[in-house]
Protein backbone atom coordinates (compact mmCIF):
# COMPACT_ATOMS: atom_id res chain seq x y z
CA MET A 1 112.92 -72.54 108.54
CA LEU A 2 116.63 -72.79 109.41
CA ARG A 3 119.07 -71.17 107.04
CA ASN A 4 122.78 -71.65 106.44
CA VAL A 5 123.07 -74.48 108.95
CA LYS A 6 125.79 -77.02 108.23
CA PRO A 7 124.74 -80.68 108.08
CA ARG A 8 125.73 -82.41 111.35
CA VAL A 9 127.46 -85.77 111.00
CA LEU A 10 128.21 -88.18 113.85
CA VAL A 11 131.09 -90.55 113.12
CA VAL A 12 131.28 -93.59 115.44
CA ASP A 13 134.44 -95.61 114.82
CA ASP A 14 137.01 -97.15 117.17
CA GLU A 15 139.92 -96.39 114.82
CA LEU A 16 141.45 -93.00 115.66
CA GLY A 17 142.91 -92.61 112.18
CA VAL A 18 139.53 -93.17 110.55
CA ARG A 19 137.83 -90.69 112.88
CA LYS A 20 140.40 -88.00 112.23
CA ALA A 21 140.44 -88.54 108.48
CA LEU A 22 136.66 -88.42 108.21
CA GLN A 23 136.40 -85.40 110.48
CA ARG A 24 138.98 -83.50 108.45
CA GLY A 25 137.52 -84.51 105.09
CA LEU A 26 133.86 -83.95 105.94
CA ARG A 27 134.59 -80.57 107.50
CA ALA A 28 136.31 -79.60 104.24
CA GLU A 29 133.02 -80.55 102.53
CA GLY A 30 131.14 -78.04 104.70
CA MET A 31 129.81 -80.40 107.37
CA ASP A 32 129.83 -80.15 111.16
CA VAL A 33 131.42 -83.36 112.48
CA VAL A 34 131.38 -84.95 115.95
CA THR A 35 133.10 -88.25 116.69
CA ALA A 36 132.77 -91.08 119.20
CA ALA A 37 135.15 -94.00 119.77
CA ASP A 38 132.84 -96.69 121.20
CA GLY A 39 129.30 -98.00 121.02
CA PRO A 40 127.81 -96.63 124.29
CA SER A 41 129.18 -93.12 123.66
CA GLY A 42 127.93 -93.19 120.08
CA LEU A 43 124.48 -94.28 121.20
CA ARG A 44 124.17 -91.50 123.80
CA LEU A 45 125.13 -88.89 121.23
CA ALA A 46 122.87 -90.34 118.53
CA GLN A 47 119.88 -90.46 120.89
CA THR A 48 119.84 -86.67 121.12
CA GLY A 49 118.42 -86.64 117.57
CA SER A 50 120.60 -83.59 116.86
CA PHE A 51 122.49 -85.07 113.90
CA ASP A 52 121.51 -85.13 110.24
CA VAL A 53 123.30 -88.38 109.42
CA LEU A 54 125.19 -91.06 111.36
CA LEU A 55 128.21 -93.05 110.15
CA LEU A 56 128.32 -96.19 112.30
CA ASP A 57 131.09 -98.74 112.22
CA ILE A 58 129.64 -102.20 112.90
CA MET A 59 132.44 -103.63 115.05
CA LEU A 60 132.60 -101.27 118.04
CA PRO A 61 133.72 -101.68 121.66
CA GLY A 62 130.86 -101.99 124.12
CA LEU A 63 127.99 -102.01 121.63
CA SER A 64 127.93 -102.95 117.96
CA GLY A 65 126.69 -100.68 115.22
CA TYR A 66 123.82 -103.13 114.69
CA ARG A 67 122.75 -102.76 118.34
CA ILE A 68 123.03 -98.97 118.22
CA LEU A 69 120.81 -98.96 115.16
CA GLN A 70 118.27 -101.23 116.86
CA HIS A 71 118.13 -98.97 119.94
CA LEU A 72 117.71 -95.85 117.83
CA ARG A 73 114.89 -97.21 115.68
CA ALA A 74 113.12 -98.74 118.69
CA GLY A 75 113.32 -95.36 120.43
CA GLY A 76 111.85 -93.49 117.47
CA VAL A 77 115.07 -91.82 116.33
CA ARG A 78 114.80 -91.68 112.54
CA THR A 79 118.17 -90.05 111.77
CA PRO A 80 119.60 -91.51 108.53
CA VAL A 81 122.31 -94.12 109.23
CA LEU A 82 125.11 -95.32 106.97
CA LEU A 83 126.71 -98.49 108.34
CA VAL A 84 130.45 -98.80 107.73
CA SER A 85 132.14 -102.18 107.83
CA ALA A 86 134.97 -104.29 106.46
CA LYS A 87 132.38 -107.04 105.98
CA ASP A 88 131.22 -107.09 102.40
CA GLY A 89 128.94 -110.10 102.41
CA GLU A 90 125.38 -109.84 101.10
CA ILE A 91 123.97 -111.21 104.38
CA ASP A 92 125.75 -108.53 106.42
CA GLN A 93 124.45 -105.78 104.18
CA ALA A 94 120.92 -107.22 104.17
CA ASP A 95 120.93 -107.48 107.98
CA GLY A 96 121.92 -103.83 108.30
CA LEU A 97 119.27 -102.64 105.87
CA ASP A 98 116.62 -104.80 107.56
CA LEU A 99 117.42 -103.12 110.88
CA GLY A 100 116.69 -99.70 109.38
CA ALA A 101 120.01 -98.53 107.93
CA ASP A 102 119.82 -96.15 104.98
CA GLY A 103 122.99 -97.44 103.36
CA TYR A 104 126.00 -99.73 103.78
CA VAL A 105 129.60 -98.67 103.06
CA VAL A 106 132.36 -101.28 102.74
CA LYS A 107 135.90 -100.52 103.97
CA PRO A 108 138.15 -99.49 102.38
CA PHE A 109 135.88 -96.98 100.70
CA SER A 110 136.26 -94.07 98.32
CA PHE A 111 135.88 -90.80 100.21
CA VAL A 112 134.27 -89.21 97.14
CA VAL A 113 131.65 -91.98 97.00
CA LEU A 114 131.05 -91.71 100.76
CA VAL A 115 130.37 -87.99 100.52
CA ALA A 116 128.00 -88.63 97.63
CA GLN A 117 126.11 -91.20 99.74
CA ILE A 118 125.91 -88.78 102.67
CA ARG A 119 124.52 -86.04 100.45
CA ALA A 120 122.04 -88.50 98.92
CA VAL A 121 120.61 -89.54 102.31
CA LEU A 122 120.47 -85.88 103.37
CA ARG A 123 118.44 -85.06 100.26
CA ARG A 124 116.08 -87.97 100.90
CA ALA A 125 115.62 -86.98 104.53
CA SER A 126 114.89 -83.40 103.50
CA SER A 127 112.35 -84.41 100.86
CA ASP A 128 110.72 -86.87 103.26
CA GLY A 129 110.39 -84.20 105.92
CA ALA A 130 112.20 -86.44 108.40
CA ARG A 131 112.34 -84.16 111.43
CA GLY A 132 112.09 -86.24 114.56
CA PRO A 133 112.23 -84.89 118.11
CA LEU A 134 115.43 -83.51 119.59
CA ARG A 135 116.46 -84.60 123.09
CA ILE A 136 118.91 -83.48 125.74
CA GLY A 137 118.47 -85.30 129.03
CA ALA A 138 114.79 -85.05 129.95
CA LEU A 139 114.18 -82.16 127.54
CA VAL A 140 112.32 -83.02 124.32
CA VAL A 141 111.92 -80.55 121.46
CA ASP A 142 109.26 -81.98 119.14
CA ARG A 143 109.77 -80.42 115.72
CA ALA A 144 106.62 -81.99 114.28
CA THR A 145 104.19 -80.60 116.88
CA ARG A 146 106.31 -77.54 117.80
CA GLU A 147 106.10 -78.51 121.48
CA VAL A 148 108.72 -78.64 124.23
CA ARG A 149 108.54 -80.98 127.23
CA TRP A 150 110.70 -81.44 130.32
CA ASN A 151 110.09 -84.72 132.17
CA ASP A 152 106.88 -84.98 130.11
CA GLU A 153 105.67 -81.59 131.40
CA PRO A 154 104.98 -78.96 128.71
CA VAL A 155 107.13 -75.83 128.46
CA ALA A 156 105.23 -72.98 126.80
CA LEU A 157 107.35 -71.09 124.28
CA SER A 158 106.48 -68.48 121.68
CA PRO A 159 107.20 -69.39 118.03
CA ARG A 160 110.41 -67.33 118.08
CA GLU A 161 111.53 -68.83 121.37
CA PHE A 162 110.86 -72.31 120.01
CA ALA A 163 112.92 -71.59 116.88
CA LEU A 164 115.80 -70.38 119.03
CA LEU A 165 115.75 -73.45 121.26
CA GLU A 166 115.42 -75.72 118.21
CA VAL A 167 118.66 -74.33 116.78
CA LEU A 168 120.55 -74.66 120.05
CA VAL A 169 119.35 -78.19 120.84
CA GLY A 170 119.75 -79.16 117.19
CA ARG A 171 123.45 -78.35 117.56
CA ALA A 172 123.81 -79.88 121.02
CA GLY A 173 127.35 -79.74 122.35
CA THR A 174 128.39 -77.04 119.86
CA VAL A 175 128.72 -73.34 120.66
CA VAL A 176 126.32 -71.33 118.46
CA THR A 177 127.24 -67.69 117.89
CA LYS A 178 124.81 -64.78 118.01
CA ASP A 179 125.30 -64.18 114.28
CA GLU A 180 124.41 -67.81 113.54
CA LEU A 181 121.27 -67.48 115.64
CA LEU A 182 120.35 -64.27 113.83
CA ARG A 183 120.59 -66.02 110.47
CA ALA A 184 118.80 -69.17 111.60
CA VAL A 185 115.96 -67.64 113.66
CA TRP A 186 115.46 -64.20 112.13
CA GLY A 187 116.67 -65.06 108.63
CA ASP A 188 118.93 -62.03 108.20
CA GLU A 189 121.50 -60.28 110.36
CA GLN A 190 119.76 -57.03 109.42
CA ALA A 191 116.36 -58.21 110.68
CA ALA A 192 117.38 -57.97 114.34
CA THR A 193 120.38 -57.17 116.53
CA ARG A 194 122.65 -59.21 118.76
CA ASN A 195 120.97 -57.56 121.74
CA VAL A 196 117.66 -59.04 120.58
CA VAL A 197 119.29 -62.48 120.53
CA GLU A 198 120.43 -61.95 124.14
CA VAL A 199 116.91 -60.92 125.13
CA TYR A 200 115.32 -64.02 123.59
CA VAL A 201 117.94 -66.34 125.06
CA GLY A 202 117.03 -64.80 128.41
CA TYR A 203 113.34 -65.49 127.78
CA VAL A 204 114.04 -69.14 126.95
CA ARG A 205 116.42 -69.61 129.87
CA ARG A 206 113.89 -68.24 132.36
CA LYS A 207 111.22 -70.62 131.08
CA LEU A 208 113.63 -73.55 131.32
CA ASP A 209 114.68 -72.41 134.80
CA ALA A 210 111.03 -72.45 135.86
CA VAL A 211 110.80 -76.21 135.21
CA GLY A 212 114.27 -77.10 136.47
CA ALA A 213 116.02 -77.32 133.09
CA GLY A 214 117.95 -74.06 133.16
CA SER A 215 121.35 -75.76 133.37
CA LEU A 216 120.94 -77.16 129.85
CA LEU A 217 121.42 -73.72 128.25
CA ARG A 218 124.73 -71.98 128.89
CA THR A 219 126.45 -68.77 127.87
CA VAL A 220 130.01 -69.16 126.59
CA ARG A 221 131.31 -65.65 127.09
CA GLY A 222 132.80 -64.07 124.01
CA HIS A 223 131.58 -66.90 121.78
CA GLY A 224 127.85 -67.64 122.02
CA TYR A 225 125.51 -70.19 123.56
CA LEU A 226 125.68 -73.91 124.22
CA ALA A 227 122.93 -76.48 124.81
CA SER A 228 124.25 -79.55 126.60
CA ASP A 229 123.97 -81.66 129.74
CA ALA A 230 126.53 -83.33 131.97
CA GLN A 231 126.17 -86.82 130.45
CA LEU A 232 126.51 -85.47 126.91
CA ASP A 233 129.61 -83.51 127.93
CA GLU A 234 131.24 -86.77 129.04
CA VAL A 235 131.01 -88.37 125.59
CA MET A 236 131.19 -85.39 123.24
CA SER A 237 134.46 -85.58 121.34
CA PRO A 238 135.97 -82.61 119.48
CA GLY A 239 138.09 -84.97 117.40
């Protein structure tokens, strides 16, 4: 079980001011926030399955929030989605909910109410045990079956190795420190050492190397480890 991991929120909105305001506010509420400015970028990020909740504007360049939601649900991504729109009609809200949205927020909205809705969907997802597979490129980490596949070929990992990879892929595009891995995988910084983390990262990297997926796991010297691929790097936005 992961401990002390911040909820990850993906904000997809074409308004820079909205993205910055939400990123700043949600981070102050203890959340890890990634943003995207258009539909295709938002979809690629959302398809990794590495976020706990998505905030999708409906009117987006390239691909609407409705279409993103359709692609996600058709592809088996069950991440909770809150649609955000200036449209406040009953038909618009009903359409969004029918497509699989978990909520509908009308602009302009109260930030306090938005945070409450985010926390509500996070609680529901936790109680429902909604833990779909994580994906980076051709790598799939199935949290339900505890299996890892690369191009549909199995990658055999020990339980500890799986837990380590689950944390890294679950925070795709974010550098995870050794101390964070100690807390998440071993449960206590006193239960193991940073050298043990290095050893297990080495184990996982060698097994990924063996199937051609070694480039997905990187060392960021002086900081920690990063799970990402080239396509995800192109759309990942720090703010």
